[in-house]
Amino acid sequence: MADNDRLFQLRVISPDRIFFEGEADMIEVKTTEGDMGILKGHIPLTAIVAPGMLKIINGKDEKVAALLDGFIEVLSDRVTILAESCEWPEEIDVHRAEEAKLRAERRLQGSEGEINETRAEMALRRSLIRLEIAEKYK
């Protein structure tokens, strides 16, 4: 199989920019249905993206980003991700993520009065993902 026979077009769009546009052999993404690996020719689907790592593989080149919520549309020759937020490891503000983690933990421990528990858990999850990716891939 020729190299370009296995490549598909990938676009990752966030509210403030086109985060990534190019070709990929494979991507790995977390959805509300679980982790997915997507290759060219994948069955068409639309899914909700869950906070997690986006891995973009193109030959020996591998890029990793923090992908925080959104939607993914998979077609046989292209994938589009509409992301609430997406950050490369070097773009992550570790200090800000640490502060967000501490705030979420305080809320979940009940030290800040009535809270929306689901919202606090999601904030904690997003901050932990940012910290993990910044630490592992910066």
C-alpha atoms as a PDB file:
ATOM      1  CA  MET A   1       0.000   0.000   0.000  1.00  0.00           C
ATOM      2  CA  ALA A   2       1.432   3.375  -1.019  1.00  0.00           C
ATOM      3  CA  ASP A   3       1.957   5.923   1.758  1.00  0.00           C
ATOM      4  CA  ASN A   4      -0.728   8.292   0.500  1.00  0.00           C
ATOM      5  CA  ASP A   5      -3.241   5.412   0.249  1.00  0.00           C
ATOM      6  CA  ARG A   6      -3.430   5.248   4.030  1.00  0.00           C
ATOM      7  CA  LEU A   7      -3.514   8.994   4.729  1.00  0.00           C
ATOM      8  CA  PHE A   8      -6.659  10.951   5.487  1.00  0.00           C
ATOM      9  CA  GLN A   9      -7.337  14.647   5.986  1.00  0.00           C
ATOM     10  CA  LEU A  10      -7.646  15.855   9.571  1.00  0.00           C
ATOM     11  CA  ARG A  11      -9.001  19.210  10.712  1.00  0.00           C
ATOM     12  CA  VAL A  12      -9.184  20.217  14.365  1.00  0.00           C
ATOM     13  CA  ILE A  13     -11.068  23.462  14.847  1.00  0.00           C
ATOM     14  CA  SER A  14     -11.430  25.355  18.114  1.00  0.00           C
ATOM     15  CA  PRO A  15     -13.413  28.573  18.665  1.00  0.00           C
ATOM     16  CA  ASP A  16     -10.327  30.766  18.292  1.00  0.00           C
ATOM     17  CA  ARG A  17      -8.363  29.034  15.512  1.00  0.00           C
ATOM     18  CA  ILE A  18      -7.834  26.126  13.190  1.00  0.00           C
ATOM     19  CA  PHE A  19      -5.754  24.097  15.620  1.00  0.00           C
ATOM     20  CA  PHE A  20      -4.527  21.499  13.115  1.00  0.00           C
ATOM     21  CA  GLU A  21      -5.035  20.906   9.419  1.00  0.00           C
ATOM     22  CA  GLY A  22      -3.131  18.235   7.562  1.00  0.00           C
ATOM     23  CA  GLU A  23      -2.773  14.551   6.813  1.00  0.00           C
ATOM     24  CA  ALA A  24      -2.607  11.683   9.281  1.00  0.00           C
ATOM     25  CA  ASP A  25      -2.117   7.916   9.187  1.00  0.00           C
ATOM     26  CA  MET A  26      -4.035   7.500  12.416  1.00  0.00           C
ATOM     27  CA  ILE A  27      -5.466   9.454  15.299  1.00  0.00           C
ATOM     28  CA  GLU A  28      -6.342   8.393  18.813  1.00  0.00           C
ATOM     29  CA  VAL A  29      -9.058  10.280  20.645  1.00  0.00           C
ATOM     30  CA  LYS A  30     -11.236   9.821  23.731  1.00  0.00           C
ATOM     31  CA  THR A  31     -15.000   9.945  23.241  1.00  0.00           C
ATOM     32  CA  THR A  32     -17.902   9.495  25.617  1.00  0.00           C
ATOM     33  CA  GLU A  33     -18.122   5.940  24.229  1.00  0.00           C
ATOM     34  CA  GLY A  34     -14.460   5.193  25.007  1.00  0.00           C
ATOM     35  CA  ASP A  35     -11.041   5.516  23.384  1.00  0.00           C
ATOM     36  CA  MET A  36     -10.969   5.348  19.588  1.00  0.00           C
ATOM     37  CA  GLY A  37      -8.239   4.755  17.054  1.00  0.00           C
ATOM     38  CA  ILE A  38      -9.155   6.029  13.597  1.00  0.00           C
ATOM     39  CA  LEU A  39      -7.577   5.012  10.293  1.00  0.00           C
ATOM     40  CA  LYS A  40      -8.504   5.902   6.706  1.00  0.00           C
ATOM     41  CA  GLY A  41     -11.608   3.991   5.663  1.00  0.00           C
ATOM     42  CA  HIS A  42     -13.100   4.010   9.171  1.00  0.00           C
ATOM     43  CA  ILE A  43     -16.858   3.561   9.284  1.00  0.00           C
ATOM     44  CA  PRO A  44     -18.557   6.981   9.191  1.00  0.00           C
ATOM     45  CA  LEU A  45     -19.655   8.211  12.600  1.00  0.00           C
ATOM     46  CA  THR A  46     -20.251  11.249  14.732  1.00  0.00           C
ATOM     47  CA  ALA A  47     -19.352  11.172  18.422  1.00  0.00           C
ATOM     48  CA  ILE A  48     -18.942  13.412  21.440  1.00  0.00           C
ATOM     49  CA  VAL A  49     -15.321  14.042  22.394  1.00  0.00           C
ATOM     50  CA  ALA A  50     -14.490  13.625  26.073  1.00  0.00           C
ATOM     51  CA  PRO A  51     -11.581  15.391  27.769  1.00  0.00           C
ATOM     52  CA  GLY A  52      -8.413  13.501  26.971  1.00  0.00           C
ATOM     53  CA  MET A  53      -5.368  13.235  24.785  1.00  0.00           C
ATOM     54  CA  LEU A  54      -5.465  13.638  21.016  1.00  0.00           C
ATOM     55  CA  LYS A  55      -2.654  11.729  19.333  1.00  0.00           C
ATOM     56  CA  ILE A  56      -1.937  12.469  15.658  1.00  0.00           C
ATOM     57  CA  ILE A  57       0.297   9.926  13.920  1.00  0.00           C
ATOM     58  CA  ASN A  58       1.807  10.519  10.493  1.00  0.00           C
ATOM     59  CA  GLY A  59       4.541   8.022   9.646  1.00  0.00           C
ATOM     60  CA  LYS A  60       7.149   8.305  12.385  1.00  0.00           C
ATOM     61  CA  ASP A  61       5.905  11.757  13.395  1.00  0.00           C
ATOM     62  CA  GLU A  62       3.619  11.804  16.422  1.00  0.00           C
ATOM     63  CA  LYS A  63       1.943  14.892  17.858  1.00  0.00           C
ATOM     64  CA  VAL A  64       0.035  15.008  21.144  1.00  0.00           C
ATOM     65  CA  ALA A  65      -2.441  17.604  22.388  1.00  0.00           C
ATOM     66  CA  ALA A  66      -4.894  18.124  25.233  1.00  0.00           C
ATOM     67  CA  LEU A  67      -8.380  17.921  23.689  1.00  0.00           C
ATOM     68  CA  LEU A  68     -11.119  19.143  25.997  1.00  0.00           C
ATOM     69  CA  ASP A  69     -14.652  18.403  24.854  1.00  0.00           C
ATOM     70  CA  GLY A  70     -16.228  18.728  21.437  1.00  0.00           C
ATOM     71  CA  PHE A  71     -17.521  16.652  18.556  1.00  0.00           C
ATOM     72  CA  ILE A  72     -15.838  14.407  16.002  1.00  0.00           C
ATOM     73  CA  GLU A  73     -17.095  13.569  12.526  1.00  0.00           C
ATOM     74  CA  VAL A  74     -15.421  10.613  10.837  1.00  0.00           C
ATOM     75  CA  LEU A  75     -15.796   9.968   7.115  1.00  0.00           C
ATOM     76  CA  SER A  76     -13.855   7.417   5.074  1.00  0.00           C
ATOM     77  CA  ASP A  77     -11.220   9.922   3.893  1.00  0.00           C
ATOM     78  CA  ARG A  78     -11.407  12.775   6.406  1.00  0.00           C
ATOM     79  CA  VAL A  79     -11.956  13.543  10.074  1.00  0.00           C
ATOM     80  CA  THR A  80     -13.139  16.823  11.548  1.00  0.00           C
ATOM     81  CA  ILE A  81     -12.979  17.627  15.245  1.00  0.00           C
ATOM     82  CA  LEU A  82     -14.830  20.649  16.594  1.00  0.00           C
ATOM     83  CA  ALA A  83     -13.109  21.225  19.916  1.00  0.00           C
ATOM     84  CA  GLU A  84     -14.147  23.396  22.829  1.00  0.00           C
ATOM     85  CA  SER A  85     -10.431  23.707  23.572  1.00  0.00           C
ATOM     86  CA  CYS A  86      -7.275  22.082  22.225  1.00  0.00           C
ATOM     87  CA  GLU A  87      -3.699  22.818  23.326  1.00  0.00           C
ATOM     88  CA  TRP A  88      -0.236  21.611  22.367  1.00  0.00           C
ATOM     89  CA  PRO A  89       1.883  20.672  25.425  1.00  0.00           C
ATOM     90  CA  GLU A  90       4.012  23.826  25.156  1.00  0.00           C
ATOM     91  CA  GLU A  91       0.863  26.005  25.157  1.00  0.00           C
ATOM     92  CA  ILE A  92      -0.421  24.671  28.474  1.00  0.00           C
ATOM     93  CA  ASP A  93      -0.121  27.099  31.371  1.00  0.00           C
ATOM     94  CA  VAL A  94       0.910  24.661  34.120  1.00  0.00           C
ATOM     95  CA  HIS A  95       0.443  27.214  36.904  1.00  0.00           C
ATOM     96  CA  ARG A  96      -3.109  27.957  35.755  1.00  0.00           C
ATOM     97  CA  ALA A  97      -3.894  24.231  35.454  1.00  0.00           C
ATOM     98  CA  GLU A  98      -2.565  23.637  39.004  1.00  0.00           C
ATOM     99  CA  GLU A  99      -4.778  26.429  40.349  1.00  0.00           C
ATOM    100  CA  ALA A 100      -7.820  25.008  38.506  1.00  0.00           C
ATOM    101  CA  LYS A 101      -7.070  21.572  39.972  1.00  0.00           C
ATOM    102  CA  LEU A 102      -6.897  22.960  43.518  1.00  0.00           C
ATOM    103  CA  ARG A 103     -10.139  24.946  43.059  1.00  0.00           C
ATOM    104  CA  ALA A 104     -11.973  21.877  41.747  1.00  0.00           C
ATOM    105  CA  GLU A 105     -10.671  19.699  44.588  1.00  0.00           C
ATOM    106  CA  ARG A 106     -11.823  22.280  47.185  1.00  0.00           C
ATOM    107  CA  ARG A 107     -15.263  22.395  45.587  1.00  0.00           C
ATOM    108  CA  LEU A 108     -15.548  18.621  45.600  1.00  0.00           C
ATOM    109  CA  GLN A 109     -14.530  18.467  49.271  1.00  0.00           C
ATOM    110  CA  GLY A 110     -17.423  20.772  50.044  1.00  0.00           C
ATOM    111  CA  SER A 111     -15.398  23.651  51.415  1.00  0.00           C
ATOM    112  CA  GLU A 112     -16.991  26.197  49.075  1.00  0.00           C
ATOM    113  CA  GLY A 113     -20.680  25.815  49.903  1.00  0.00           C
ATOM    114  CA  GLU A 114     -23.169  24.435  47.404  1.00  0.00           C
ATOM    115  CA  ILE A 115     -21.605  23.346  44.149  1.00  0.00           C
ATOM    116  CA  ASN A 116     -22.473  21.706  40.882  1.00  0.00           C
ATOM    117  CA  GLU A 117     -20.632  18.434  41.475  1.00  0.00           C
ATOM    118  CA  THR A 118     -20.601  17.371  37.819  1.00  0.00           C
ATOM    119  CA  ARG A 119     -19.130  20.706  36.760  1.00  0.00           C
ATOM    120  CA  ALA A 120     -16.449  20.503  39.459  1.00  0.00           C
ATOM    121  CA  GLU A 121     -15.554  16.936  38.442  1.00  0.00           C
ATOM    122  CA  MET A 122     -15.208  18.001  34.788  1.00  0.00           C
ATOM    123  CA  ALA A 123     -13.017  20.964  35.789  1.00  0.00           C
ATOM    124  CA  LEU A 124     -10.816  18.613  37.799  1.00  0.00           C
ATOM    125  CA  ARG A 125     -10.577  16.178  34.888  1.00  0.00           C
ATOM    126  CA  ARG A 126      -9.634  18.935  32.405  1.00  0.00           C
ATOM    127  CA  SER A 127      -6.936  20.292  34.726  1.00  0.00           C
ATOM    128  CA  LEU A 128      -5.486  16.804  35.324  1.00  0.00           C
ATOM    129  CA  ILE A 129      -5.330  16.144  31.573  1.00  0.00           C
ATOM    130  CA  ARG A 130      -3.562  19.441  30.954  1.00  0.00           C
ATOM    131  CA  LEU A 131      -1.055  18.726  33.723  1.00  0.00           C
ATOM    132  CA  GLU A 132      -0.391  15.167  32.528  1.00  0.00           C
ATOM    133  CA  ILE A 133       0.206  16.217  28.912  1.00  0.00           C
ATOM    134  CA  ALA A 134       2.346  19.186  29.876  1.00  0.00           C
ATOM    135  CA  GLU A 135       4.479  17.000  32.157  1.00  0.00           C
ATOM    136  CA  LYS A 136       4.881  14.066  29.747  1.00  0.00           C
ATOM    137  CA  TYR A 137       5.292  15.864  26.425  1.00  0.00           C
ATOM    138  CA  LYS A 138       6.698  19.360  27.031  1.00  0.00           C
END
